[in-house]
Amino acid sequence: MEHHPAAVWLTEAASAAEKQGAGILLRVVLIVMVVGSVLTAWFLLRGYKQKDD
């Protein structure tokens, strides 16, 4: 079997998540959701900017 560093990291992260619970994962998900919402709002609202020509 070949050595895959990403697979090892993933299994270690999964075992650490079992020990710690969902605290860190929940924080990461919430941060990604907030940043994604801000970027989406900026992208949608930038089209409503008034142009003074």
PDB file of N, CA and C in Angstrom:
ATOM      1  N   MET A   1       0.844  -1.186   0.000  1.00  0.00           N
ATOM      2  CA  MET A   1       0.000   0.000   0.000  1.00  0.00           C
ATOM      3  C   MET A   1       0.884   1.242   0.000  1.00  0.00           C
ATOM      4  N   GLU A   2       0.543   2.221  -0.814  1.00  0.00           N
ATOM      5  CA  GLU A   2       1.315   3.445  -0.916  1.00  0.00           C
ATOM      6  C   GLU A   2       1.018   4.363   0.262  1.00  0.00           C
ATOM      7  N   HIS A   3       1.990   5.204   0.548  1.00  0.00           N
ATOM      8  CA  HIS A   3       1.839   6.169   1.643  1.00  0.00           C
ATOM      9  C   HIS A   3       1.249   7.458   1.087  1.00  0.00           C
ATOM     10  N   HIS A   4       0.094   7.865   1.611  1.00  0.00           N
ATOM     11  CA  HIS A   4      -0.560   9.097   1.185  1.00  0.00           C
ATOM     12  C   HIS A   4      -0.648  10.031   2.384  1.00  0.00           C
ATOM     13  N   PRO A   5       0.179  11.093   2.412  1.00  0.00           N
ATOM     14  CA  PRO A   5       0.156  12.010   3.557  1.00  0.00           C
ATOM     15  C   PRO A   5      -1.211  12.627   3.809  1.00  0.00           C
ATOM     16  N   ALA A   6      -1.963  12.926   2.751  1.00  0.00           N
ATOM     17  CA  ALA A   6      -3.283  13.522   2.941  1.00  0.00           C
ATOM     18  C   ALA A   6      -4.219  12.550   3.642  1.00  0.00           C
ATOM     19  N   ALA A   7      -4.136  11.284   3.295  1.00  0.00           N
ATOM     20  CA  ALA A   7      -4.995  10.283   3.922  1.00  0.00           C
ATOM     21  C   ALA A   7      -4.642  10.127   5.399  1.00  0.00           C
ATOM     22  N   VAL A   8      -3.352  10.180   5.710  1.00  0.00           N
ATOM     23  CA  VAL A   8      -2.927  10.067   7.113  1.00  0.00           C
ATOM     24  C   VAL A   8      -3.437  11.269   7.899  1.00  0.00           C
ATOM     25  N   TRP A   9      -3.313  12.464   7.323  1.00  0.00           N
ATOM     26  CA  TRP A   9      -3.786  13.668   7.995  1.00  0.00           C
ATOM     27  C   TRP A   9      -5.282  13.606   8.234  1.00  0.00           C
ATOM     28  N   LEU A  10      -6.012  13.086   7.238  1.00  0.00           N
ATOM     29  CA  LEU A  10      -7.466  13.000   7.351  1.00  0.00           C
ATOM     30  C   LEU A  10      -7.876  12.033   8.450  1.00  0.00           C
ATOM     31  N   THR A  11      -7.207  10.887   8.531  1.00  0.00           N
ATOM     32  CA  THR A  11      -7.555   9.922   9.583  1.00  0.00           C
ATOM     33  C   THR A  11      -7.190  10.457  10.965  1.00  0.00           C
ATOM     34  N   GLU A  12      -6.067  11.182  11.052  1.00  0.00           N
ATOM     35  CA  GLU A  12      -5.695  11.776  12.342  1.00  0.00           C
ATOM     36  C   GLU A  12      -6.696  12.854  12.746  1.00  0.00           C
ATOM     37  N   ALA A  13      -7.151  13.644  11.787  1.00  0.00           N
ATOM     38  CA  ALA A  13      -8.140  14.675  12.081  1.00  0.00           C
ATOM     39  C   ALA A  13      -9.457  14.052  12.515  1.00  0.00           C
ATOM     40  N   ALA A  14      -9.835  12.948  11.879  1.00  0.00           N
ATOM     41  CA  ALA A  14     -11.080  12.279  12.248  1.00  0.00           C
ATOM     42  C   ALA A  14     -10.987  11.705  13.651  1.00  0.00           C
ATOM     43  N   SER A  15      -9.851  11.122  14.003  1.00  0.00           N
ATOM     44  CA  SER A  15      -9.725  10.558  15.349  1.00  0.00           C
ATOM     45  C   SER A  15      -9.663  11.668  16.393  1.00  0.00           C
ATOM     46  N   ALA A  16      -9.044  12.801  16.060  1.00  0.00           N
ATOM     47  CA  ALA A  16      -9.010  13.928  16.994  1.00  0.00           C
ATOM     48  C   ALA A  16     -10.400  14.511  17.178  1.00  0.00           C
ATOM     49  N   ALA A  17     -11.199  14.538  16.107  1.00  0.00           N
ATOM     50  CA  ALA A  17     -12.555  15.055  16.210  1.00  0.00           C
ATOM     51  C   ALA A  17     -13.409  14.181  17.119  1.00  0.00           C
ATOM     52  N   GLU A  18     -13.165  12.888  17.091  1.00  0.00           N
ATOM     53  CA  GLU A  18     -13.914  12.001  17.985  1.00  0.00           C
ATOM     54  C   GLU A  18     -13.594  12.306  19.440  1.00  0.00           C
ATOM     55  N   LYS A  19     -12.344  12.655  19.726  1.00  0.00           N
ATOM     56  CA  LYS A  19     -11.939  12.943  21.100  1.00  0.00           C
ATOM     57  C   LYS A  19     -12.448  14.310  21.556  1.00  0.00           C
ATOM     58  N   GLN A  20     -12.412  15.307  20.660  1.00  0.00           N
ATOM     59  CA  GLN A  20     -12.739  16.666  21.057  1.00  0.00           C
ATOM     60  C   GLN A  20     -14.199  17.026  20.876  1.00  0.00           C
ATOM     61  N   GLY A  21     -14.907  16.313  20.059  1.00  0.00           N
ATOM     62  CA  GLY A  21     -16.278  16.696  19.761  1.00  0.00           C
ATOM     63  C   GLY A  21     -16.310  17.601  18.547  1.00  0.00           C
ATOM     64  N   ALA A  22     -17.405  18.314  18.378  1.00  0.00           N
ATOM     65  CA  ALA A  22     -17.600  19.111  17.170  1.00  0.00           C
ATOM     66  C   ALA A  22     -17.229  20.576  17.366  1.00  0.00           C
ATOM     67  N   GLY A  23     -16.522  20.931  18.416  1.00  0.00           N
ATOM     68  CA  GLY A  23     -16.230  22.330  18.705  1.00  0.00           C
ATOM     69  C   GLY A  23     -15.464  23.032  17.613  1.00  0.00           C
ATOM     70  N   ILE A  24     -14.316  22.492  17.233  1.00  0.00           N
ATOM     71  CA  ILE A  24     -13.483  23.139  16.220  1.00  0.00           C
ATOM     72  C   ILE A  24     -14.157  23.072  14.865  1.00  0.00           C
ATOM     73  N   LEU A  25     -14.732  21.942  14.537  1.00  0.00           N
ATOM     74  CA  LEU A  25     -15.422  21.816  13.252  1.00  0.00           C
ATOM     75  C   LEU A  25     -16.567  22.811  13.156  1.00  0.00           C
ATOM     76  N   LEU A  26     -17.312  22.976  14.234  1.00  0.00           N
ATOM     77  CA  LEU A  26     -18.420  23.925  14.238  1.00  0.00           C
ATOM     78  C   LEU A  26     -17.930  25.355  14.049  1.00  0.00           C
ATOM     79  N   ARG A  27     -16.813  25.710  14.688  1.00  0.00           N
ATOM     80  CA  ARG A  27     -16.251  27.045  14.516  1.00  0.00           C
ATOM     81  C   ARG A  27     -15.832  27.282  13.071  1.00  0.00           C
ATOM     82  N   VAL A  28     -15.183  26.295  12.468  1.00  0.00           N
ATOM     83  CA  VAL A  28     -14.742  26.440  11.078  1.00  0.00           C
ATOM     84  C   VAL A  28     -15.940  26.590  10.159  1.00  0.00           C
ATOM     85  N   VAL A  29     -16.963  25.784  10.360  1.00  0.00           N
ATOM     86  CA  VAL A  29     -18.162  25.866   9.519  1.00  0.00           C
ATOM     87  C   VAL A  29     -18.826  27.232   9.669  1.00  0.00           C
ATOM     88  N   LEU A  30     -18.930  27.734  10.882  1.00  0.00           N
ATOM     89  CA  LEU A  30     -19.552  29.038  11.105  1.00  0.00           C
ATOM     90  C   LEU A  30     -18.751  30.172  10.473  1.00  0.00           C
ATOM     91  N   ILE A  31     -17.422  30.109  10.583  1.00  0.00           N
ATOM     92  CA  ILE A  31     -16.578  31.144   9.990  1.00  0.00           C
ATOM     93  C   ILE A  31     -16.716  31.127   8.475  1.00  0.00           C
ATOM     94  N   VAL A  32     -16.708  29.934   7.883  1.00  0.00           N
ATOM     95  CA  VAL A  32     -16.860  29.820   6.431  1.00  0.00           C
ATOM     96  C   VAL A  32     -18.226  30.337   5.996  1.00  0.00           C
ATOM     97  N   MET A  33     -19.270  30.048   6.769  1.00  0.00           N
ATOM     98  CA  MET A  33     -20.603  30.538   6.428  1.00  0.00           C
ATOM     99  C   MET A  33     -20.667  32.064   6.484  1.00  0.00           C
ATOM    100  N   VAL A  34     -20.074  32.668   7.507  1.00  0.00           N
ATOM    101  CA  VAL A  34     -20.113  34.125   7.646  1.00  0.00           C
ATOM    102  C   VAL A  34     -19.326  34.783   6.516  1.00  0.00           C
ATOM    103  N   VAL A  35     -18.128  34.283   6.245  1.00  0.00           N
ATOM    104  CA  VAL A  35     -17.319  34.859   5.173  1.00  0.00           C
ATOM    105  C   VAL A  35     -18.022  34.677   3.829  1.00  0.00           C
ATOM    106  N   GLY A  36     -18.607  33.517   3.598  1.00  0.00           N
ATOM    107  CA  GLY A  36     -19.339  33.283   2.362  1.00  0.00           C
ATOM    108  C   GLY A  36     -20.540  34.193   2.228  1.00  0.00           C
ATOM    109  N   SER A  37     -21.242  34.436   3.309  1.00  0.00           N
ATOM    110  CA  SER A  37     -22.401  35.338   3.272  1.00  0.00           C
ATOM    111  C   SER A  37     -21.982  36.772   2.965  1.00  0.00           C
ATOM    112  N   VAL A  38     -20.893  37.217   3.568  1.00  0.00           N
ATOM    113  CA  VAL A  38     -20.406  38.574   3.317  1.00  0.00           C
ATOM    114  C   VAL A  38     -19.977  38.714   1.859  1.00  0.00           C
ATOM    115  N   LEU A  39     -19.248  37.743   1.340  1.00  0.00           N
ATOM    116  CA  LEU A  39     -18.815  37.818  -0.052  1.00  0.00           C
ATOM    117  C   LEU A  39     -19.998  37.766  -1.015  1.00  0.00           C
ATOM    118  N   THR A  40     -20.985  36.941  -0.706  1.00  0.00           N
ATOM    119  CA  THR A  40     -22.179  36.865  -1.554  1.00  0.00           C
ATOM    120  C   THR A  40     -22.944  38.178  -1.530  1.00  0.00           C
ATOM    121  N   ALA A  41     -23.112  38.764  -0.348  1.00  0.00           N
ATOM    122  CA  ALA A  41     -23.810  40.045  -0.243  1.00  0.00           C
ATOM    123  C   ALA A  41     -23.062  41.127  -1.003  1.00  0.00           C
ATOM    124  N   TRP A  42     -21.733  41.168  -0.872  1.00  0.00           N
ATOM    125  CA  TRP A  42     -20.947  42.164  -1.599  1.00  0.00           C
ATOM    126  C   TRP A  42     -21.114  41.981  -3.104  1.00  0.00           C
ATOM    127  N   PHE A  43     -21.047  40.727  -3.567  1.00  0.00           N
ATOM    128  CA  PHE A  43     -21.154  40.462  -5.002  1.00  0.00           C
ATOM    129  C   PHE A  43     -22.527  40.871  -5.539  1.00  0.00           C
ATOM    130  N   LEU A  44     -23.578  40.578  -4.783  1.00  0.00           N
ATOM    131  CA  LEU A  44     -24.920  40.919  -5.250  1.00  0.00           C
ATOM    132  C   LEU A  44     -25.212  42.405  -5.143  1.00  0.00           C
ATOM    133  N   LEU A  45     -24.755  43.029  -4.080  1.00  0.00           N
ATOM    134  CA  LEU A  45     -25.085  44.434  -3.857  1.00  0.00           C
ATOM    135  C   LEU A  45     -24.220  45.392  -4.651  1.00  0.00           C
ATOM    136  N   ARG A  46     -23.079  44.956  -5.159  1.00  0.00           N
ATOM    137  CA  ARG A  46     -22.235  45.872  -5.917  1.00  0.00           C
ATOM    138  C   ARG A  46     -22.889  46.280  -7.233  1.00  0.00           C
ATOM    139  N   GLY A  47     -23.839  45.482  -7.722  1.00  0.00           N
ATOM    140  CA  GLY A  47     -24.544  45.829  -8.946  1.00  0.00           C
ATOM    141  C   GLY A  47     -25.557  46.940  -8.750  1.00  0.00           C
ATOM    142  N   TYR A  48     -25.908  47.262  -7.520  1.00  0.00           N
ATOM    143  CA  TYR A  48     -26.893  48.306  -7.244  1.00  0.00           C
ATOM    144  C   TYR A  48     -26.250  49.666  -7.008  1.00  0.00           C
ATOM    145  N   LYS A  49     -24.945  49.753  -7.154  1.00  0.00           N
ATOM    146  CA  LYS A  49     -24.240  51.009  -6.921  1.00  0.00           C
ATOM    147  C   LYS A  49     -24.701  52.045  -7.966  1.00  0.00           C
ATOM    148  N   GLN A  50     -24.983  53.261  -7.511  1.00  0.00           N
ATOM    149  CA  GLN A  50     -25.431  54.342  -8.396  1.00  0.00           C
ATOM    150  C   GLN A  50     -24.230  54.922  -9.123  1.00  0.00           C
ATOM    151  N   LYS A  51     -24.359  55.065 -10.411  1.00  0.00           N
ATOM    152  CA  LYS A  51     -23.303  55.667 -11.200  1.00  0.00           C
ATOM    153  C   LYS A  51     -23.712  57.095 -11.562  1.00  0.00           C
ATOM    154  N   ASP A  52     -22.871  58.067 -11.254  1.00  0.00           N
ATOM    155  CA  ASP A  52     -23.142  59.462 -11.554  1.00  0.00           C
ATOM    156  C   ASP A  52     -22.407  59.844 -12.850  1.00  0.00           C
ATOM    157  N   ASP A  53     -23.033  59.574 -13.978  1.00  0.00           N
ATOM    158  CA  ASP A  53     -22.422  59.886 -15.270  1.00  0.00           C
ATOM    159  C   ASP A  53     -22.929  61.204 -15.785  1.00  0.00           C
TER     160      ASP A  53
END
